Amino acid sequence: MPEQRLDQHLQRFYADKRPSEACLDRLAALAESTPAAKPPAPVKTRRVTPAYLAVAASLLLILFGGVFLLQPDHNANWLVAKEIAVNHNKHLAIEFPTSDYHELNRLMDKLDFSSVISKRLPPGQYRLLGGRYCSIQGQLALQLKLQDRAGNRYTLYQAPLNKLLTGIQQGEQVIDG
């Protein structure tokens, strides 16, 4: 059998086929009993004009600009305090256990500064437990763990001064979380 296209084959097959009189009568009765379909109502369409687009863009700009302006403006004190609080709340273990600052400086050779005993701490009141590396505003820093005579532990941070850190004032910062 020679290959034919499907539509040609179907045309030839159904060319001599005709519906019966009964089928034609049923179709005619069905057509008469069904009300004529109404054409769909025309839909009103609005053209989007450049003026509407400009107004929408302006409103979005005002909305998002307002959101960014309402964001709290955190100063350097708050930013550093927040980062220190995050470091502290991790409760990471001491990487370099030692009670000697000179030994700690030798062990922590990645620091480009030497750890020092804070002049703000009363002499003999705190014992060094050790230290670990941390980061303050993207700069490598030192996290010291100290213990007082009553057994309370404290965390002290040391970092080389940079432009941001020199502007920090002494005081307390309340950090949420």
N, C-alpha and C. Protein backbone atom coordinates (compact mmCIF):
# COMPACT_ATOMS: atom_id res chain seq x y z
N MET A 1 0.85 -1.17 0.00
CA MET A 1 0.00 0.00 0.00
C MET A 1 0.89 1.24 0.00
N PRO A 2 0.70 2.12 -0.95
CA PRO A 2 1.54 3.30 -1.00
C PRO A 2 1.26 4.21 0.19
N GLU A 3 2.29 4.90 0.61
CA GLU A 3 2.14 5.81 1.76
C GLU A 3 1.30 7.00 1.37
N GLN A 4 0.33 7.30 2.21
CA GLN A 4 -0.53 8.46 1.98
C GLN A 4 -0.51 9.31 3.24
N ARG A 5 -0.81 10.54 3.04
CA ARG A 5 -0.95 11.40 4.20
C ARG A 5 -2.22 11.01 4.92
N LEU A 6 -2.23 11.16 6.21
CA LEU A 6 -3.37 10.76 7.04
C LEU A 6 -4.64 11.49 6.64
N ASP A 7 -4.54 12.79 6.39
CA ASP A 7 -5.75 13.53 6.06
C ASP A 7 -6.35 13.07 4.73
N GLN A 8 -5.51 12.69 3.76
CA GLN A 8 -6.02 12.17 2.48
C GLN A 8 -6.70 10.82 2.70
N HIS A 9 -6.10 10.01 3.50
CA HIS A 9 -6.66 8.68 3.78
C HIS A 9 -8.02 8.83 4.47
N LEU A 10 -8.13 9.73 5.46
CA LEU A 10 -9.40 9.94 6.16
C LEU A 10 -10.46 10.53 5.23
N GLN A 11 -10.07 11.44 4.34
CA GLN A 11 -11.02 12.01 3.39
C GLN A 11 -11.62 10.91 2.51
N ARG A 12 -10.79 10.05 1.99
CA ARG A 12 -11.28 8.96 1.14
C ARG A 12 -12.18 8.02 1.90
N PHE A 13 -11.83 7.75 3.17
CA PHE A 13 -12.62 6.80 3.97
C PHE A 13 -14.01 7.37 4.24
N TYR A 14 -14.10 8.65 4.61
CA TYR A 14 -15.39 9.23 4.99
C TYR A 14 -16.12 9.89 3.81
N ALA A 15 -15.57 9.88 2.62
CA ALA A 15 -16.19 10.55 1.47
C ALA A 15 -17.56 9.96 1.14
N ASP A 16 -17.70 8.66 1.20
CA ASP A 16 -18.97 8.04 0.84
C ASP A 16 -19.85 7.76 2.05
N LYS A 17 -19.44 8.16 3.22
CA LYS A 17 -20.23 7.95 4.44
C LYS A 17 -21.20 9.11 4.61
N ARG A 18 -22.43 8.80 4.99
CA ARG A 18 -23.45 9.80 5.22
C ARG A 18 -24.20 9.42 6.49
N PRO A 19 -24.61 10.46 7.30
CA PRO A 19 -25.40 10.12 8.49
C PRO A 19 -26.79 9.63 8.08
N SER A 20 -27.36 8.80 8.92
CA SER A 20 -28.70 8.25 8.65
C SER A 20 -29.75 9.36 8.80
N GLU A 21 -30.95 9.13 8.26
CA GLU A 21 -32.04 10.11 8.36
C GLU A 21 -32.40 10.35 9.82
N ALA A 22 -32.42 9.31 10.65
CA ALA A 22 -32.77 9.45 12.06
C ALA A 22 -31.75 10.34 12.78
N CYS A 23 -30.49 10.17 12.43
CA CYS A 23 -29.43 10.98 13.06
C CYS A 23 -29.60 12.44 12.65
N LEU A 24 -29.90 12.69 11.37
CA LEU A 24 -30.09 14.06 10.91
C LEU A 24 -31.29 14.70 11.58
N ASP A 25 -32.39 13.94 11.78
CA ASP A 25 -33.58 14.47 12.44
C ASP A 25 -33.27 14.85 13.90
N ARG A 26 -32.50 14.01 14.60
CA ARG A 26 -32.14 14.30 16.00
C ARG A 26 -31.28 15.57 16.08
N LEU A 27 -30.35 15.72 15.16
CA LEU A 27 -29.49 16.90 15.15
C LEU A 27 -30.29 18.17 14.87
N ALA A 28 -31.25 18.09 13.95
CA ALA A 28 -32.09 19.25 13.63
C ALA A 28 -32.94 19.63 14.83
N ALA A 29 -33.54 18.64 15.53
CA ALA A 29 -34.37 18.92 16.70
C ALA A 29 -33.52 19.55 17.81
N LEU A 30 -32.34 19.06 17.97
CA LEU A 30 -31.44 19.59 19.00
C LEU A 30 -31.08 21.05 18.69
N ALA A 31 -30.83 21.34 17.43
CA ALA A 31 -30.48 22.70 17.04
C ALA A 31 -31.64 23.66 17.26
N GLU A 32 -32.88 23.20 17.03
CA GLU A 32 -34.05 24.06 17.21
C GLU A 32 -34.34 24.30 18.69
N SER A 33 -34.10 23.31 19.56
CA SER A 33 -34.42 23.45 20.98
C SER A 33 -33.39 24.27 21.75
N THR A 34 -32.22 24.42 21.24
CA THR A 34 -31.16 25.17 21.91
C THR A 34 -31.24 26.63 21.48
N PRO A 35 -31.34 27.57 22.48
CA PRO A 35 -31.38 28.98 22.09
C PRO A 35 -30.07 29.40 21.43
N ALA A 36 -30.19 30.37 20.58
CA ALA A 36 -29.00 30.84 19.87
C ALA A 36 -28.03 31.48 20.88
N ALA A 37 -26.79 31.17 20.73
CA ALA A 37 -25.77 31.71 21.64
C ALA A 37 -25.56 33.18 21.34
N LYS A 38 -25.50 33.95 22.43
CA LYS A 38 -25.27 35.38 22.28
C LYS A 38 -23.76 35.60 22.11
N PRO A 39 -23.42 36.52 21.27
CA PRO A 39 -21.98 36.81 21.16
C PRO A 39 -21.50 37.44 22.47
N PRO A 40 -20.28 37.17 22.86
CA PRO A 40 -19.78 37.74 24.12
C PRO A 40 -19.77 39.27 24.04
N ALA A 41 -20.06 39.86 25.20
CA ALA A 41 -20.05 41.32 25.27
C ALA A 41 -18.63 41.82 25.06
N PRO A 42 -18.50 42.93 24.37
CA PRO A 42 -17.14 43.45 24.17
C PRO A 42 -16.51 43.84 25.51
N VAL A 43 -15.27 43.53 25.66
CA VAL A 43 -14.53 43.82 26.89
C VAL A 43 -13.85 45.17 26.72
N LYS A 44 -14.08 46.01 27.73
CA LYS A 44 -13.42 47.31 27.68
C LYS A 44 -11.95 47.12 28.03
N THR A 45 -11.13 47.63 27.22
CA THR A 45 -9.69 47.55 27.50
C THR A 45 -9.14 48.97 27.59
N ARG A 46 -8.24 49.11 28.51
CA ARG A 46 -7.57 50.40 28.67
C ARG A 46 -6.17 50.28 28.12
N ARG A 47 -5.81 51.27 27.44
CA ARG A 47 -4.43 51.29 26.97
C ARG A 47 -3.55 51.82 28.07
N VAL A 48 -2.45 51.15 28.29
CA VAL A 48 -1.49 51.63 29.28
C VAL A 48 -0.65 52.69 28.60
N THR A 49 -0.79 53.88 29.10
CA THR A 49 -0.05 54.98 28.50
C THR A 49 1.23 55.23 29.29
N PRO A 50 2.18 55.87 28.67
CA PRO A 50 3.42 56.17 29.40
C PRO A 50 3.19 56.99 30.66
N ALA A 51 2.13 57.80 30.67
CA ALA A 51 1.85 58.60 31.87
C ALA A 51 1.49 57.69 33.05
N TYR A 52 0.67 56.66 32.80
CA TYR A 52 0.31 55.71 33.86
C TYR A 52 1.55 54.97 34.36
N LEU A 53 2.40 54.58 33.43
CA LEU A 53 3.63 53.88 33.82
C LEU A 53 4.52 54.79 34.66
N ALA A 54 4.61 56.04 34.30
CA ALA A 54 5.45 56.98 35.06
C ALA A 54 4.90 57.17 36.47
N VAL A 55 3.57 57.28 36.60
CA VAL A 55 2.96 57.44 37.92
C VAL A 55 3.21 56.19 38.76
N ALA A 56 3.03 55.00 38.17
CA ALA A 56 3.25 53.75 38.91
C ALA A 56 4.70 53.64 39.36
N ALA A 57 5.63 53.96 38.47
CA ALA A 57 7.05 53.89 38.83
C ALA A 57 7.38 54.88 39.94
N SER A 58 6.79 56.07 39.89
CA SER A 58 7.04 57.07 40.94
C SER A 58 6.52 56.60 42.29
N LEU A 59 5.32 56.00 42.28
CA LEU A 59 4.77 55.49 43.54
C LEU A 59 5.63 54.38 44.12
N LEU A 60 6.11 53.48 43.27
CA LEU A 60 6.98 52.41 43.76
C LEU A 60 8.28 52.98 44.32
N LEU A 61 8.83 53.97 43.65
CA LEU A 61 10.06 54.59 44.11
C LEU A 61 9.86 55.26 45.47
N ILE A 62 8.75 55.96 45.63
CA ILE A 62 8.46 56.61 46.91
C ILE A 62 8.27 55.56 48.00
N LEU A 63 7.53 54.50 47.68
CA LEU A 63 7.27 53.45 48.66
C LEU A 63 8.56 52.78 49.12
N PHE A 64 9.37 52.31 48.17
CA PHE A 64 10.60 51.62 48.55
C PHE A 64 11.64 52.57 49.13
N GLY A 65 11.67 53.79 48.65
CA GLY A 65 12.58 54.78 49.23
C GLY A 65 12.23 55.05 50.68
N GLY A 66 10.94 55.13 50.97
CA GLY A 66 10.50 55.34 52.35
C GLY A 66 10.87 54.19 53.26
N VAL A 67 10.77 52.98 52.73
CA VAL A 67 11.14 51.81 53.53
C VAL A 67 12.62 51.87 53.89
N PHE A 68 13.46 52.22 52.93
CA PHE A 68 14.89 52.29 53.22
C PHE A 68 15.24 53.45 54.14
N LEU A 69 14.52 54.55 54.03
CA LEU A 69 14.78 55.69 54.91
C LEU A 69 14.36 55.41 56.34
N LEU A 70 13.38 54.53 56.52
CA LEU A 70 12.90 54.21 57.86
C LEU A 70 13.77 53.17 58.57
N GLN A 71 14.72 52.59 57.85
CA GLN A 71 15.62 51.63 58.47
C GLN A 71 16.46 52.35 59.52
N PRO A 72 16.71 51.70 60.66
CA PRO A 72 17.51 52.37 61.68
C PRO A 72 18.93 52.64 61.19
N ASP A 73 19.42 53.82 61.51
CA ASP A 73 20.77 54.20 61.13
C ASP A 73 21.70 53.82 62.28
N HIS A 74 22.39 52.71 62.12
CA HIS A 74 23.24 52.22 63.19
C HIS A 74 24.62 52.86 63.09
N ASN A 75 25.08 53.37 64.20
CA ASN A 75 26.40 53.99 64.22
C ASN A 75 27.46 52.93 64.49
N ALA A 76 28.71 53.36 64.48
CA ALA A 76 29.82 52.44 64.65
C ALA A 76 29.75 51.71 65.99
N ASN A 77 29.37 52.42 67.05
CA ASN A 77 29.26 51.77 68.37
C ASN A 77 28.32 50.57 68.30
N TRP A 78 27.16 50.79 67.69
CA TRP A 78 26.16 49.73 67.64
C TRP A 78 26.64 48.58 66.77
N LEU A 79 27.24 48.88 65.62
CA LEU A 79 27.69 47.83 64.71
C LEU A 79 28.74 46.93 65.37
N VAL A 80 29.71 47.54 66.02
CA VAL A 80 30.77 46.76 66.68
C VAL A 80 30.19 45.99 67.86
N ALA A 81 29.33 46.62 68.64
CA ALA A 81 28.71 45.94 69.78
C ALA A 81 27.89 44.74 69.32
N LYS A 82 27.18 44.90 68.22
CA LYS A 82 26.37 43.80 67.68
C LYS A 82 27.26 42.63 67.27
N GLU A 83 28.36 42.93 66.58
CA GLU A 83 29.25 41.86 66.14
C GLU A 83 29.91 41.17 67.33
N ILE A 84 30.29 41.93 68.34
CA ILE A 84 30.89 41.33 69.53
C ILE A 84 29.87 40.46 70.25
N ALA A 85 28.62 40.91 70.30
CA ALA A 85 27.57 40.10 70.94
C ALA A 85 27.37 38.79 70.19
N VAL A 86 27.41 38.84 68.88
CA VAL A 86 27.27 37.61 68.09
C VAL A 86 28.43 36.67 68.38
N ASN A 87 29.66 37.21 68.38
CA ASN A 87 30.84 36.38 68.70
C ASN A 87 30.71 35.78 70.10
N HIS A 88 30.29 36.59 71.05
CA HIS A 88 30.19 36.12 72.44
C HIS A 88 29.13 35.03 72.58
N ASN A 89 27.99 35.21 71.93
CA ASN A 89 26.89 34.26 72.07
C ASN A 89 27.13 32.94 71.36
N LYS A 90 28.16 32.85 70.55
CA LYS A 90 28.50 31.57 69.92
C LYS A 90 29.08 30.60 70.94
N HIS A 91 29.63 31.12 72.02
CA HIS A 91 30.25 30.31 73.08
C HIS A 91 31.23 29.29 72.51
N LEU A 92 32.10 29.76 71.63
CA LEU A 92 33.09 28.87 71.03
C LEU A 92 34.20 28.58 72.04
N ALA A 93 34.76 27.41 71.91
CA ALA A 93 35.81 26.97 72.85
C ALA A 93 37.09 27.78 72.63
N ILE A 94 37.89 27.82 73.67
CA ILE A 94 39.20 28.47 73.61
C ILE A 94 40.09 27.66 72.67
N GLU A 95 40.71 28.33 71.70
CA GLU A 95 41.61 27.64 70.77
C GLU A 95 43.02 27.53 71.33
N PHE A 96 43.42 28.51 72.13
CA PHE A 96 44.78 28.56 72.66
C PHE A 96 44.72 28.70 74.17
N PRO A 97 44.61 27.58 74.90
CA PRO A 97 44.54 27.67 76.36
C PRO A 97 45.92 28.01 76.95
N THR A 98 45.97 29.10 77.68
CA THR A 98 47.19 29.51 78.37
C THR A 98 46.83 30.60 79.37
N SER A 99 47.63 30.72 80.41
CA SER A 99 47.40 31.78 81.39
C SER A 99 48.44 32.89 81.26
N ASP A 100 49.25 32.82 80.20
CA ASP A 100 50.34 33.78 80.01
C ASP A 100 50.13 34.56 78.70
N TYR A 101 50.12 35.88 78.82
CA TYR A 101 49.91 36.72 77.64
C TYR A 101 51.04 36.57 76.62
N HIS A 102 52.28 36.43 77.08
CA HIS A 102 53.41 36.27 76.16
C HIS A 102 53.29 34.97 75.39
N GLU A 103 52.89 33.91 76.06
CA GLU A 103 52.68 32.62 75.41
C GLU A 103 51.54 32.72 74.39
N LEU A 104 50.48 33.43 74.76
CA LEU A 104 49.35 33.59 73.85
C LEU A 104 49.78 34.34 72.58
N ASN A 105 50.60 35.37 72.74
CA ASN A 105 51.10 36.11 71.57
C ASN A 105 51.93 35.21 70.66
N ARG A 106 52.72 34.32 71.27
CA ARG A 106 53.54 33.40 70.48
C ARG A 106 52.66 32.40 69.74
N LEU A 107 51.62 31.88 70.40
CA LEU A 107 50.74 30.88 69.79
C LEU A 107 49.86 31.48 68.68
N MET A 108 49.42 32.70 68.88
CA MET A 108 48.50 33.32 67.92
C MET A 108 49.29 34.18 66.94
N ASP A 109 50.05 33.52 66.08
CA ASP A 109 50.96 34.21 65.19
C ASP A 109 50.29 34.86 63.97
N LYS A 110 49.00 34.63 63.77
CA LYS A 110 48.31 35.27 62.64
C LYS A 110 47.92 36.71 62.95
N LEU A 111 47.96 37.08 64.21
CA LEU A 111 47.62 38.45 64.59
C LEU A 111 48.76 39.39 64.23
N ASP A 112 48.42 40.56 63.71
CA ASP A 112 49.46 41.54 63.40
C ASP A 112 49.60 42.57 64.52
N PHE A 113 49.19 42.17 65.72
CA PHE A 113 49.36 42.99 66.92
C PHE A 113 49.56 42.02 68.09
N SER A 114 50.01 42.54 69.21
CA SER A 114 50.21 41.71 70.40
C SER A 114 49.10 41.97 71.40
N SER A 115 48.65 40.91 72.04
CA SER A 115 47.64 41.09 73.08
C SER A 115 48.29 41.78 74.28
N VAL A 116 47.48 42.54 74.98
CA VAL A 116 47.98 43.27 76.14
C VAL A 116 47.02 43.08 77.30
N ILE A 117 47.54 43.26 78.50
CA ILE A 117 46.70 43.22 79.69
C ILE A 117 46.01 44.58 79.77
N SER A 118 44.71 44.58 79.84
CA SER A 118 43.96 45.83 79.87
C SER A 118 44.28 46.62 81.13
N LYS A 119 44.50 47.92 80.97
CA LYS A 119 44.76 48.79 82.11
C LYS A 119 43.48 49.06 82.90
N ARG A 120 42.35 48.75 82.33
CA ARG A 120 41.06 48.97 83.00
C ARG A 120 40.72 47.84 83.98
N LEU A 121 41.45 46.74 83.90
CA LEU A 121 41.20 45.62 84.82
C LEU A 121 42.10 45.75 86.03
N PRO A 122 41.55 45.61 87.22
CA PRO A 122 42.39 45.68 88.43
C PRO A 122 43.43 44.55 88.41
N PRO A 123 44.69 44.87 88.71
CA PRO A 123 45.74 43.84 88.68
C PRO A 123 45.44 42.71 89.66
N GLY A 124 45.65 41.48 89.20
CA GLY A 124 45.48 40.31 90.05
C GLY A 124 44.04 39.86 90.24
N GLN A 125 43.10 40.56 89.70
CA GLN A 125 41.69 40.19 89.89
C GLN A 125 41.19 39.18 88.85
N TYR A 126 41.85 39.15 87.70
CA TYR A 126 41.40 38.29 86.60
C TYR A 126 42.54 37.41 86.13
N ARG A 127 42.20 36.16 85.84
CA ARG A 127 43.18 35.20 85.35
C ARG A 127 42.85 34.89 83.89
N LEU A 128 43.87 34.92 83.04
CA LEU A 128 43.70 34.59 81.63
C LEU A 128 43.49 33.09 81.48
N LEU A 129 42.44 32.69 80.77
CA LEU A 129 42.19 31.27 80.48
C LEU A 129 42.70 30.89 79.10
N GLY A 130 42.76 31.85 78.21
CA GLY A 130 43.22 31.58 76.85
C GLY A 130 42.55 32.52 75.87
N GLY A 131 42.72 32.22 74.59
CA GLY A 131 42.16 33.09 73.57
C GLY A 131 41.81 32.33 72.31
N ARG A 132 41.19 33.04 71.40
CA ARG A 132 40.83 32.48 70.10
C ARG A 132 40.77 33.63 69.10
N TYR A 133 40.88 33.27 67.81
CA TYR A 133 40.73 34.27 66.76
C TYR A 133 39.24 34.59 66.60
N CYS A 134 38.95 35.83 66.26
CA CYS A 134 37.60 36.22 65.90
C CYS A 134 37.72 37.37 64.90
N SER A 135 36.60 37.93 64.55
CA SER A 135 36.59 39.02 63.58
C SER A 135 35.73 40.15 64.11
N ILE A 136 36.21 41.36 63.94
CA ILE A 136 35.42 42.55 64.27
C ILE A 136 35.44 43.45 63.04
N GLN A 137 34.28 43.62 62.44
CA GLN A 137 34.11 44.41 61.22
C GLN A 137 35.07 43.95 60.12
N GLY A 138 35.17 42.64 59.96
CA GLY A 138 35.98 42.06 58.89
C GLY A 138 37.47 42.06 59.16
N GLN A 139 37.88 42.45 60.33
CA GLN A 139 39.30 42.53 60.68
C GLN A 139 39.61 41.45 61.72
N LEU A 140 40.72 40.77 61.53
CA LEU A 140 41.12 39.72 62.47
C LEU A 140 41.34 40.33 63.85
N ALA A 141 40.73 39.70 64.85
CA ALA A 141 40.80 40.22 66.22
C ALA A 141 41.04 39.07 67.18
N LEU A 142 41.17 39.41 68.44
CA LEU A 142 41.48 38.44 69.50
C LEU A 142 40.33 38.44 70.51
N GLN A 143 39.88 37.25 70.83
CA GLN A 143 38.86 37.08 71.87
C GLN A 143 39.55 36.42 73.06
N LEU A 144 39.62 37.14 74.17
CA LEU A 144 40.26 36.62 75.38
C LEU A 144 39.19 36.13 76.35
N LYS A 145 39.47 35.01 77.00
CA LYS A 145 38.58 34.50 78.05
C LYS A 145 39.30 34.69 79.38
N LEU A 146 38.62 35.35 80.30
CA LEU A 146 39.17 35.64 81.62
C LEU A 146 38.25 35.07 82.69
N GLN A 147 38.83 34.88 83.88
CA GLN A 147 38.03 34.39 85.01
C GLN A 147 38.43 35.19 86.25
N ASP A 148 37.42 35.61 87.02
CA ASP A 148 37.73 36.35 88.25
C ASP A 148 37.88 35.35 89.40
N ARG A 149 38.18 35.87 90.57
CA ARG A 149 38.43 35.00 91.74
C ARG A 149 37.19 34.23 92.16
N ALA A 150 36.02 34.75 91.87
CA ALA A 150 34.77 34.08 92.24
C ALA A 150 34.39 33.00 91.23
N GLY A 151 35.16 32.87 90.15
CA GLY A 151 34.88 31.85 89.15
C GLY A 151 34.03 32.33 87.99
N ASN A 152 33.66 33.60 87.99
CA ASN A 152 32.87 34.16 86.88
C ASN A 152 33.77 34.34 85.66
N ARG A 153 33.24 33.99 84.50
CA ARG A 153 34.01 34.12 83.25
C ARG A 153 33.61 35.38 82.50
N TYR A 154 34.61 35.97 81.85
CA TYR A 154 34.40 37.19 81.08
C TYR A 154 35.08 37.04 79.73
N THR A 155 34.56 37.76 78.76
CA THR A 155 35.14 37.77 77.43
C THR A 155 35.61 39.18 77.12
N LEU A 156 36.83 39.29 76.66
CA LEU A 156 37.43 40.57 76.34
C LEU A 156 37.89 40.50 74.88
N TYR A 157 37.74 41.58 74.15
CA TYR A 157 38.11 41.61 72.73
C TYR A 157 39.20 42.63 72.51
N GLN A 158 40.17 42.27 71.65
CA GLN A 158 41.25 43.18 71.29
C GLN A 158 41.41 43.14 69.78
N ALA A 159 41.61 44.32 69.21
CA ALA A 159 41.81 44.44 67.77
C ALA A 159 42.66 45.67 67.51
N PRO A 160 43.41 45.68 66.41
CA PRO A 160 44.17 46.88 66.08
C PRO A 160 43.21 48.00 65.69
N LEU A 161 43.57 49.22 66.04
CA LEU A 161 42.69 50.35 65.73
C LEU A 161 42.68 50.62 64.23
N ASN A 162 41.49 50.85 63.73
CA ASN A 162 41.32 51.31 62.35
C ASN A 162 40.39 52.51 62.39
N LYS A 163 40.02 53.03 61.24
CA LYS A 163 39.22 54.25 61.19
C LYS A 163 37.89 54.08 61.92
N LEU A 164 37.24 52.94 61.76
CA LEU A 164 35.96 52.70 62.41
C LEU A 164 36.12 52.58 63.92
N LEU A 165 37.10 51.80 64.36
CA LEU A 165 37.26 51.54 65.79
C LEU A 165 37.73 52.76 66.57
N THR A 166 38.48 53.66 65.94
CA THR A 166 38.93 54.85 66.67
C THR A 166 37.77 55.79 66.99
N GLY A 167 36.67 55.69 66.25
CA GLY A 167 35.53 56.55 66.50
C GLY A 167 34.56 56.02 67.54
N ILE A 168 34.85 54.88 68.11
CA ILE A 168 33.93 54.28 69.08
C ILE A 168 34.11 54.93 70.44
N GLN A 169 32.99 55.26 71.05
CA GLN A 169 32.99 55.87 72.37
C GLN A 169 32.82 54.80 73.44
N GLN A 170 33.37 55.07 74.61
CA GLN A 170 33.18 54.16 75.73
C GLN A 170 31.73 54.23 76.17
N GLY A 171 31.17 53.10 76.51
CA GLY A 171 29.78 53.08 76.97
C GLY A 171 29.17 51.71 76.77
N GLU A 172 27.89 51.65 77.00
CA GLU A 172 27.16 50.40 76.86
C GLU A 172 26.22 50.50 75.67
N GLN A 173 26.03 49.38 75.00
CA GLN A 173 25.09 49.28 73.90
C GLN A 173 24.14 48.13 74.22
N VAL A 174 22.86 48.38 74.12
CA VAL A 174 21.88 47.31 74.31
C VAL A 174 21.64 46.68 72.95
N ILE A 175 21.89 45.38 72.88
CA ILE A 175 21.74 44.65 71.63
C ILE A 175 20.56 43.70 71.79
N ASP A 176 19.62 43.78 70.87
CA ASP A 176 18.44 42.92 70.91
C ASP A 176 18.84 41.54 70.41
N GLY A 177 18.71 40.54 71.26
CA GLY A 177 19.01 39.17 70.85
C GLY A 177 20.37 38.82 71.28
